[in-house]
N, C-alpha and C. Protein backbone atom coordinates (compact mmCIF):
# COMPACT_ATOMS: atom_id res chain seq x y z
N MET A 1 -58.96 -30.90 76.24
CA MET A 1 -59.09 -32.31 74.80
C MET A 1 -57.31 -32.21 75.30
N ALA A 2 -56.98 -31.52 75.17
CA ALA A 2 -55.56 -31.58 75.83
C ALA A 2 -54.98 -32.46 75.66
N THR A 3 -55.42 -32.29 77.44
CA THR A 3 -55.12 -33.11 78.15
C THR A 3 -55.47 -35.23 77.85
N LEU A 4 -56.48 -35.01 77.03
CA LEU A 4 -56.80 -35.70 76.89
C LEU A 4 -55.79 -36.28 75.65
N LEU A 5 -55.48 -35.94 74.66
CA LEU A 5 -53.66 -36.06 73.32
C LEU A 5 -53.04 -36.95 74.89
N GLN A 6 -52.60 -35.82 75.27
CA GLN A 6 -51.65 -36.70 75.82
C GLN A 6 -51.71 -37.72 76.82
N LEU A 7 -52.81 -37.99 77.63
CA LEU A 7 -53.02 -39.54 78.38
C LEU A 7 -53.08 -40.05 77.67
N GLY A 8 -53.53 -39.93 75.71
CA GLY A 8 -53.85 -41.05 75.19
C GLY A 8 -52.11 -41.81 74.96
N GLY A 9 -50.63 -40.67 74.54
CA GLY A 9 -49.83 -41.47 74.95
C GLY A 9 -48.87 -41.75 75.59
N LEU A 10 -49.48 -41.76 77.12
CA LEU A 10 -49.05 -42.22 77.89
C LEU A 10 -48.85 -43.77 78.14
N PRO A 11 -49.21 -44.79 78.11
CA PRO A 11 -49.07 -45.92 77.17
C PRO A 11 -47.95 -46.26 76.70
N PHE A 12 -47.57 -45.34 76.04
CA PHE A 12 -46.92 -46.36 74.79
C PHE A 12 -45.56 -45.76 75.29
N ALA A 13 -45.31 -45.28 76.72
CA ALA A 13 -44.02 -44.89 77.10
C ALA A 13 -43.65 -46.06 77.62
N TYR A 14 -44.57 -47.09 78.00
CA TYR A 14 -44.01 -48.33 78.69
C TYR A 14 -43.56 -49.59 77.19
N LEU A 15 -45.62 -49.27 76.77
CA LEU A 15 -45.09 -50.39 75.40
C LEU A 15 -44.45 -50.12 73.70
N VAL A 16 -43.78 -49.12 73.44
CA VAL A 16 -42.72 -49.19 72.58
C VAL A 16 -41.28 -49.57 72.80
N PRO A 17 -40.89 -49.17 74.38
CA PRO A 17 -39.73 -49.94 74.24
C PRO A 17 -39.85 -51.17 74.34
N THR A 18 -40.69 -51.87 74.74
CA THR A 18 -41.09 -53.36 74.78
C THR A 18 -41.07 -54.17 73.94
N LEU A 19 -42.25 -53.41 72.62
CA LEU A 19 -42.30 -53.71 71.68
C LEU A 19 -40.86 -53.51 70.75
N ALA A 20 -40.13 -52.79 70.97
CA ALA A 20 -39.51 -52.54 69.84
C ALA A 20 -38.29 -54.06 69.79
N LEU A 21 -37.99 -54.37 70.87
CA LEU A 21 -37.50 -55.92 70.56
C LEU A 21 -37.57 -56.50 70.34
N LYS A 22 -38.51 -56.42 69.73
CA LYS A 22 -40.25 -57.49 69.14
C LYS A 22 -39.80 -57.94 67.77
N LYS A 23 -39.64 -59.49 67.18
CA LYS A 23 -40.11 -59.67 65.39
C LYS A 23 -40.33 -58.14 64.84
N HIS A 24 -42.09 -57.67 64.90
CA HIS A 24 -42.91 -56.99 64.22
C HIS A 24 -42.92 -55.59 65.32
N GLY A 25 -42.24 -55.49 66.26
CA GLY A 25 -42.15 -54.43 67.29
C GLY A 25 -42.33 -52.75 66.73
N VAL A 26 -40.89 -52.78 66.27
CA VAL A 26 -40.82 -51.15 65.48
C VAL A 26 -42.18 -51.05 64.38
N ALA A 27 -42.56 -52.22 63.48
CA ALA A 27 -43.34 -52.05 62.48
C ALA A 27 -44.63 -51.50 62.89
N SER A 28 -44.97 -52.39 63.55
CA SER A 28 -46.39 -52.48 64.74
C SER A 28 -46.70 -50.80 64.73
N MET A 29 -45.47 -50.36 66.07
CA MET A 29 -45.29 -48.87 66.96
C MET A 29 -45.53 -47.74 65.43
N VAL A 30 -44.16 -48.13 64.83
CA VAL A 30 -44.95 -47.02 63.12
C VAL A 30 -45.99 -47.41 62.44
N ALA A 31 -46.57 -48.22 62.55
CA ALA A 31 -48.74 -48.65 62.10
C ALA A 31 -49.44 -47.75 62.90
N VAL A 32 -49.54 -47.62 64.42
CA VAL A 32 -49.51 -47.38 64.72
C VAL A 32 -49.45 -45.19 65.07
N THR A 33 -48.73 -44.91 64.97
CA THR A 33 -48.38 -43.16 64.32
C THR A 33 -48.50 -43.21 63.82
N PHE A 34 -48.46 -44.14 62.43
CA PHE A 34 -49.99 -43.57 61.54
C PHE A 34 -50.95 -43.68 61.44
N VAL A 35 -51.71 -44.55 62.01
CA VAL A 35 -53.00 -44.66 62.23
C VAL A 35 -52.98 -43.33 63.49
N GLY A 36 -52.67 -43.19 64.40
CA GLY A 36 -53.18 -42.12 65.10
C GLY A 36 -53.57 -40.94 64.39
N PHE A 37 -51.83 -40.52 63.77
CA PHE A 37 -51.59 -39.60 63.44
C PHE A 37 -52.70 -38.77 62.34
N VAL A 38 -52.42 -39.52 61.54
CA VAL A 38 -53.38 -39.47 60.55
C VAL A 38 -54.80 -39.78 60.58
N GLY A 39 -55.46 -41.04 60.85
CA GLY A 39 -56.50 -41.00 61.31
C GLY A 39 -57.44 -40.34 61.86
N GLY A 40 -56.93 -39.25 63.10
CA GLY A 40 -57.11 -38.34 63.99
C GLY A 40 -57.44 -37.09 63.36
N THR A 41 -56.35 -37.14 63.11
CA THR A 41 -56.40 -35.41 62.52
C THR A 41 -57.74 -35.77 61.21
N LEU A 42 -57.83 -36.70 60.14
CA LEU A 42 -58.52 -36.39 59.69
C LEU A 42 -59.89 -36.87 59.63
N GLY A 43 -60.49 -37.65 61.15
CA GLY A 43 -61.18 -37.85 61.72
C GLY A 43 -61.65 -36.35 62.17
N LEU A 44 -61.50 -35.25 62.91
CA LEU A 44 -61.97 -33.40 62.83
C LEU A 44 -62.01 -33.76 61.17
N THR A 45 -61.78 -33.77 60.25
CA THR A 45 -62.88 -32.27 59.51
C THR A 45 -63.81 -32.86 58.74
N LEU A 46 -63.93 -34.82 59.07
CA LEU A 46 -64.67 -34.75 59.06
C LEU A 46 -66.64 -33.78 59.78
N PRO A 47 -67.47 -33.19 59.85
CA PRO A 47 -68.20 -32.76 59.95
C PRO A 47 -69.37 -33.14 60.96
N ILE A 48 -68.35 -34.11 61.80
CA ILE A 48 -69.12 -34.87 63.45
C ILE A 48 -68.76 -33.55 64.22
N HIS A 49 -69.96 -32.91 65.01
CA HIS A 49 -69.40 -32.06 65.45
C HIS A 49 -69.92 -32.66 67.57
N ALA A 50 -69.44 -32.78 68.18
CA ALA A 50 -70.06 -33.80 69.60
C ALA A 50 -68.91 -34.26 70.05
N VAL A 51 -68.73 -33.84 71.08
CA VAL A 51 -67.83 -33.79 72.89
C VAL A 51 -67.11 -35.17 72.34
N PHE A 52 -68.33 -36.58 71.78
CA PHE A 52 -67.21 -37.78 71.82
C PHE A 52 -66.62 -38.09 70.86
N TRP A 53 -66.22 -37.64 69.99
CA TRP A 53 -65.76 -37.83 68.48
C TRP A 53 -65.02 -37.24 69.07
N ALA A 54 -65.03 -35.73 69.31
CA ALA A 54 -63.31 -35.26 69.25
C ALA A 54 -62.08 -35.52 69.93
N THR A 55 -63.01 -35.86 71.22
CA THR A 55 -62.29 -37.06 72.60
C THR A 55 -61.94 -38.23 71.58
N LEU A 56 -62.59 -38.74 71.12
CA LEU A 56 -62.73 -40.53 70.43
C LEU A 56 -60.71 -39.81 69.44
N MET A 57 -60.82 -38.87 68.74
CA MET A 57 -59.72 -38.34 67.78
C MET A 57 -58.74 -37.64 68.56
N ASN A 58 -58.54 -36.70 69.87
CA ASN A 58 -57.88 -36.27 70.47
C ASN A 58 -57.06 -37.71 70.76
N LEU A 59 -57.68 -38.92 71.60
CA LEU A 59 -56.90 -39.84 72.09
C LEU A 59 -56.30 -40.62 71.12
N LEU A 60 -56.79 -41.08 70.54
CA LEU A 60 -56.61 -41.13 68.35
C LEU A 60 -54.98 -40.60 68.27
N MET A 61 -54.77 -39.81 68.46
CA MET A 61 -53.28 -38.85 67.70
C MET A 61 -52.95 -38.49 69.09
N GLY A 62 -53.80 -38.93 70.73
CA GLY A 62 -52.54 -39.18 71.44
C GLY A 62 -51.72 -40.27 71.18
N PHE A 63 -52.27 -41.22 70.83
CA PHE A 63 -51.80 -42.87 70.18
C PHE A 63 -50.52 -42.87 69.42
N GLY A 64 -51.23 -41.90 68.33
CA GLY A 64 -50.06 -41.96 67.53
C GLY A 64 -48.89 -40.38 68.14
N ALA A 65 -48.86 -40.15 69.23
CA ALA A 65 -48.17 -38.80 69.24
C ALA A 65 -47.34 -39.52 70.05
N GLY A 66 -47.66 -40.53 71.14
CA GLY A 66 -47.03 -40.94 71.73
C GLY A 66 -46.43 -42.87 71.64
N ALA A 67 -46.64 -43.35 70.77
CA ALA A 67 -45.70 -44.33 69.98
C ALA A 67 -44.75 -43.54 68.94
N SER A 68 -44.71 -42.61 68.47
CA SER A 68 -43.88 -41.96 67.50
C SER A 68 -42.94 -40.88 68.68
N PHE A 69 -43.26 -40.36 69.08
CA PHE A 69 -42.01 -39.85 70.17
C PHE A 69 -41.46 -40.85 71.12
N ASN A 70 -42.14 -42.06 71.71
CA ASN A 70 -41.33 -43.13 71.96
C ASN A 70 -40.51 -44.01 71.11
N LEU A 71 -40.93 -44.04 70.03
CA LEU A 71 -39.97 -44.55 69.08
C LEU A 71 -38.70 -43.85 68.58
N ALA A 72 -39.04 -42.90 68.33
CA ALA A 72 -37.90 -41.77 68.25
C ALA A 72 -36.44 -42.19 69.04
N VAL A 73 -37.76 -42.28 70.62
CA VAL A 73 -36.29 -42.36 71.76
C VAL A 73 -35.38 -43.66 71.89
N VAL A 74 -36.37 -44.33 71.23
CA VAL A 74 -35.86 -45.59 71.38
C VAL A 74 -34.63 -45.68 69.82
N PHE A 75 -35.11 -45.16 68.65
CA PHE A 75 -33.93 -45.61 67.49
C PHE A 75 -32.19 -44.88 67.90
N PHE A 76 -32.41 -44.09 68.98
CA PHE A 76 -31.50 -43.14 68.95
C PHE A 76 -30.30 -44.34 69.94
N THR A 77 -31.08 -45.00 70.39
CA THR A 77 -30.40 -46.57 70.83
C THR A 77 -29.96 -47.78 69.71
N THR A 78 -31.03 -47.91 69.55
CA THR A 78 -30.77 -49.04 68.60
C THR A 78 -30.33 -48.80 66.90
N LYS A 79 -30.40 -47.50 67.01
CA LYS A 79 -29.71 -47.25 65.15
C LYS A 79 -27.84 -46.91 65.72
N THR A 80 -27.51 -46.95 66.08
CA THR A 80 -25.96 -46.56 66.82
C THR A 80 -25.91 -47.26 66.62
N THR A 81 -24.13 -47.33 67.57
CA THR A 81 -23.31 -48.81 67.57
C THR A 81 -22.43 -47.67 68.87
N ASN A 82 -22.46 -46.61 69.57
CA ASN A 82 -21.76 -46.00 70.75
C ASN A 82 -22.32 -45.03 71.25
N GLY A 83 -21.80 -44.81 72.20
CA GLY A 83 -22.37 -43.02 72.30
C GLY A 83 -22.34 -41.89 72.41
N PHE A 84 -21.59 -41.63 71.64
CA PHE A 84 -21.05 -40.66 70.36
C PHE A 84 -22.08 -40.95 69.22
N GLU A 85 -22.63 -41.80 68.60
CA GLU A 85 -23.40 -41.82 67.82
C GLU A 85 -25.03 -41.27 68.32
N THR A 86 -25.05 -41.65 69.19
CA THR A 86 -26.14 -41.52 70.15
C THR A 86 -26.38 -40.29 70.30
N ALA A 87 -25.19 -39.48 70.65
CA ALA A 87 -25.62 -38.47 71.43
C ALA A 87 -25.92 -37.73 70.37
N ASP A 88 -25.23 -37.91 69.14
CA ASP A 88 -24.58 -36.99 67.94
C ASP A 88 -26.26 -37.30 67.31
N LEU A 89 -26.88 -38.53 67.22
CA LEU A 89 -28.37 -38.08 66.24
C LEU A 89 -29.67 -37.41 67.64
N SER A 90 -28.87 -38.09 68.68
CA SER A 90 -30.20 -37.28 69.28
C SER A 90 -29.97 -35.91 69.59
N GLY A 91 -28.84 -35.18 69.09
CA GLY A 91 -28.53 -33.75 69.32
C GLY A 91 -29.20 -33.71 68.12
N MET A 92 -29.15 -33.52 67.35
CA MET A 92 -29.51 -33.30 65.77
C MET A 92 -31.30 -33.51 65.52
N ALA A 93 -31.77 -34.80 65.74
CA ALA A 93 -33.22 -34.79 66.59
C ALA A 93 -34.10 -33.92 66.88
N GLN A 94 -33.58 -33.66 68.15
CA GLN A 94 -34.04 -32.69 69.17
C GLN A 94 -33.96 -31.35 68.57
N SER A 95 -32.94 -31.13 67.70
CA SER A 95 -32.89 -29.99 67.30
C SER A 95 -33.95 -29.77 66.21
N ALA A 96 -33.72 -30.31 65.26
CA ALA A 96 -34.37 -30.58 64.66
C ALA A 96 -35.87 -30.21 65.35
N GLY A 97 -36.24 -31.14 65.65
CA GLY A 97 -37.61 -31.62 66.88
C GLY A 97 -38.53 -30.29 66.88
N TYR A 98 -37.65 -29.53 68.00
CA TYR A 98 -37.35 -28.26 68.87
C TYR A 98 -38.50 -26.91 67.67
N LEU A 99 -37.46 -27.03 66.81
CA LEU A 99 -37.44 -25.61 65.95
C LEU A 99 -38.56 -26.06 65.37
N LEU A 100 -39.04 -27.84 64.72
CA LEU A 100 -40.71 -27.62 64.12
C LEU A 100 -41.70 -27.15 64.95
N ALA A 101 -41.42 -27.72 66.63
CA ALA A 101 -42.34 -27.74 66.58
C ALA A 101 -42.28 -26.53 67.25
N ALA A 102 -41.14 -25.16 67.48
CA ALA A 102 -41.78 -24.03 67.79
C ALA A 102 -42.21 -23.08 66.47
N VAL A 103 -42.17 -23.43 65.58
CA VAL A 103 -42.97 -22.60 63.69
C VAL A 103 -44.11 -23.50 63.70
N GLY A 104 -44.06 -24.75 63.98
CA GLY A 104 -45.01 -25.48 63.43
C GLY A 104 -47.15 -24.39 63.43
N PRO A 105 -47.17 -23.94 65.03
CA PRO A 105 -47.71 -23.90 65.42
C PRO A 105 -48.28 -22.00 64.26
N VAL A 106 -46.71 -21.67 64.26
CA VAL A 106 -47.16 -20.06 63.59
C VAL A 106 -47.67 -20.35 62.70
N LEU A 107 -46.90 -21.51 61.12
CA LEU A 107 -47.29 -21.74 60.05
C LEU A 107 -48.11 -22.12 60.12
N PHE A 108 -49.15 -23.10 60.21
CA PHE A 108 -50.40 -23.15 60.44
C PHE A 108 -51.79 -22.29 60.92
N GLY A 109 -51.51 -21.34 61.86
CA GLY A 109 -51.75 -20.86 61.98
C GLY A 109 -52.11 -19.40 60.33
N TYR A 110 -50.74 -19.30 60.24
CA TYR A 110 -50.82 -18.63 59.12
C TYR A 110 -51.37 -19.17 57.55
N LEU A 111 -51.70 -20.32 57.49
CA LEU A 111 -51.65 -20.88 56.08
C LEU A 111 -53.65 -20.72 57.07
N ASN A 112 -53.84 -20.95 57.93
CA ASN A 112 -55.29 -20.95 58.47
C ASN A 112 -55.64 -19.55 58.12
N ASN A 113 -54.74 -18.92 58.54
CA ASN A 113 -55.47 -17.07 57.98
C ASN A 113 -55.77 -16.79 56.50
N LEU A 114 -54.64 -17.36 56.23
CA LEU A 114 -54.18 -17.09 54.11
C LEU A 114 -55.99 -17.43 53.28
N VAL A 115 -55.64 -19.11 54.03
CA VAL A 115 -57.15 -19.88 53.05
C VAL A 115 -58.33 -19.79 54.34
N HIS A 116 -58.72 -19.18 54.91
CA HIS A 116 -59.82 -19.08 55.81
C HIS A 116 -60.11 -20.72 55.60
N SER A 117 -59.74 -21.95 56.25
CA SER A 117 -59.98 -22.95 56.21
C SER A 117 -59.56 -23.48 57.56
N TRP A 118 -59.27 -24.40 58.53
CA TRP A 118 -58.91 -25.43 58.45
C TRP A 118 -59.02 -26.92 58.82
N THR A 119 -59.50 -27.50 57.88
CA THR A 119 -59.21 -28.31 56.81
C THR A 119 -58.42 -28.12 56.17
N ILE A 120 -57.49 -27.53 55.33
CA ILE A 120 -56.68 -26.99 54.47
C ILE A 120 -55.36 -27.50 56.07
N VAL A 121 -55.16 -26.90 56.97
CA VAL A 121 -54.33 -26.90 57.82
C VAL A 121 -54.34 -28.59 58.26
N LEU A 122 -55.49 -29.53 58.42
CA LEU A 122 -55.10 -30.30 58.69
C LEU A 122 -55.30 -31.20 57.65
N LEU A 123 -55.50 -31.03 57.04
CA LEU A 123 -54.88 -31.95 55.44
C LEU A 123 -53.81 -31.98 56.01
N ALA A 124 -52.84 -30.66 56.24
CA ALA A 124 -51.76 -30.42 56.06
C ALA A 124 -50.49 -31.25 56.27
N ALA A 125 -51.26 -31.26 57.73
CA ALA A 125 -50.29 -31.63 58.94
C ALA A 125 -50.94 -34.00 58.76
N ALA A 126 -51.60 -34.23 58.17
CA ALA A 126 -51.85 -35.56 57.48
C ALA A 126 -50.99 -35.94 56.98
N ILE A 127 -50.02 -34.77 56.42
CA ILE A 127 -49.10 -35.25 55.01
C ILE A 127 -47.85 -35.44 55.74
N PHE A 128 -47.88 -34.46 56.87
CA PHE A 128 -46.73 -34.23 57.62
C PHE A 128 -46.91 -35.80 57.93
N ALA A 129 -47.75 -36.10 59.15
CA ALA A 129 -48.11 -37.31 59.27
C ALA A 129 -47.16 -38.46 58.71
N THR A 130 -48.28 -38.95 57.08
CA THR A 130 -47.10 -39.46 56.75
C THR A 130 -45.88 -39.33 56.02
N LEU A 131 -45.31 -38.87 55.80
CA LEU A 131 -44.30 -38.66 56.33
C LEU A 131 -43.44 -38.75 57.27
N LEU A 132 -44.13 -38.52 57.96
CA LEU A 132 -43.24 -39.24 59.42
C LEU A 132 -43.47 -40.32 59.55
N ALA A 133 -43.91 -41.32 59.38
CA ALA A 133 -44.29 -42.35 59.10
C ALA A 133 -43.71 -43.30 58.29
N LEU A 134 -43.78 -42.68 56.93
CA LEU A 134 -42.16 -42.97 55.44
C LEU A 134 -41.75 -42.83 56.34
N SER A 135 -40.87 -41.73 57.23
CA SER A 135 -39.46 -42.36 57.74
C SER A 135 -38.87 -43.20 58.88
N GLY A 136 -40.17 -43.41 59.23
CA GLY A 136 -39.85 -45.00 60.60
C GLY A 136 -40.29 -45.72 60.21
N VAL A 137 -40.66 -46.16 58.68
CA VAL A 137 -40.25 -47.21 57.70
C VAL A 137 -39.03 -47.61 57.51
N VAL A 138 -38.28 -45.97 56.47
CA VAL A 138 -37.18 -46.79 56.41
C VAL A 138 -35.96 -46.95 57.61
N MET A 139 -36.74 -45.91 58.33
CA MET A 139 -35.01 -45.71 59.67
C MET A 139 -35.69 -47.00 60.09
N ASN A 140 -36.38 -48.02 60.47
CA ASN A 140 -36.55 -49.48 60.11
C ASN A 140 -35.62 -50.23 59.46
N GLN A 141 -35.61 -50.31 58.85
CA GLN A 141 -35.05 -50.66 57.34
C GLN A 141 -33.36 -51.20 57.89
N HIS A 142 -33.09 -49.98 58.45
CA HIS A 142 -32.02 -50.29 58.66
C HIS A 142 -31.24 -50.21 59.78
N THR A 143 -30.14 -50.64 60.07
CA THR A 143 -28.89 -51.36 61.27
C THR A 143 -28.50 -50.57 61.81
N ASN A 144 -28.17 -49.30 60.77
CA ASN A 144 -27.46 -48.39 62.04
C ASN A 144 -27.86 -47.27 60.75
N ILE A 145 -27.61 -46.03 61.58
CA ILE A 145 -28.24 -44.94 60.80
C ILE A 145 -26.21 -43.91 60.21
N TYR A 146 -26.00 -44.81 60.91
CA TYR A 146 -24.12 -44.12 59.91
C TYR A 146 -23.78 -44.84 58.94
N GLU A 147 -24.78 -45.69 58.33
CA GLU A 147 -24.38 -46.55 57.22
C GLU A 147 -24.08 -46.05 56.05
């Protein structure tokens, strides 16, 4: 299933840089991020215990992951005016991102042990995914992050 999640994001490595230059490209990729992460995560909370459903939800989450990661990389160059700003933004975002990636699974595991429910953990993940999509909407509204 983890492989399917990763494969689901693969097409967006090609689509996002191309679509980001279009008029509504960034907005559509933010929408894919929201639908992929929130839809896939909430889809796992449903009482459907079939391999097909799990496969579909993992592919959907992969779409969100691929769109969000590649859109973040596009933002590094399109929301800055020079190489120094790009390097600063990239370093800050990657430092925070890898910190969250390291701490997130531990915190989600702790939350599961605390409440004895993966549903609560998945709901928390959906809330964080919504915040991620909202930050993409805000980023899209600014031409330069340093303004």
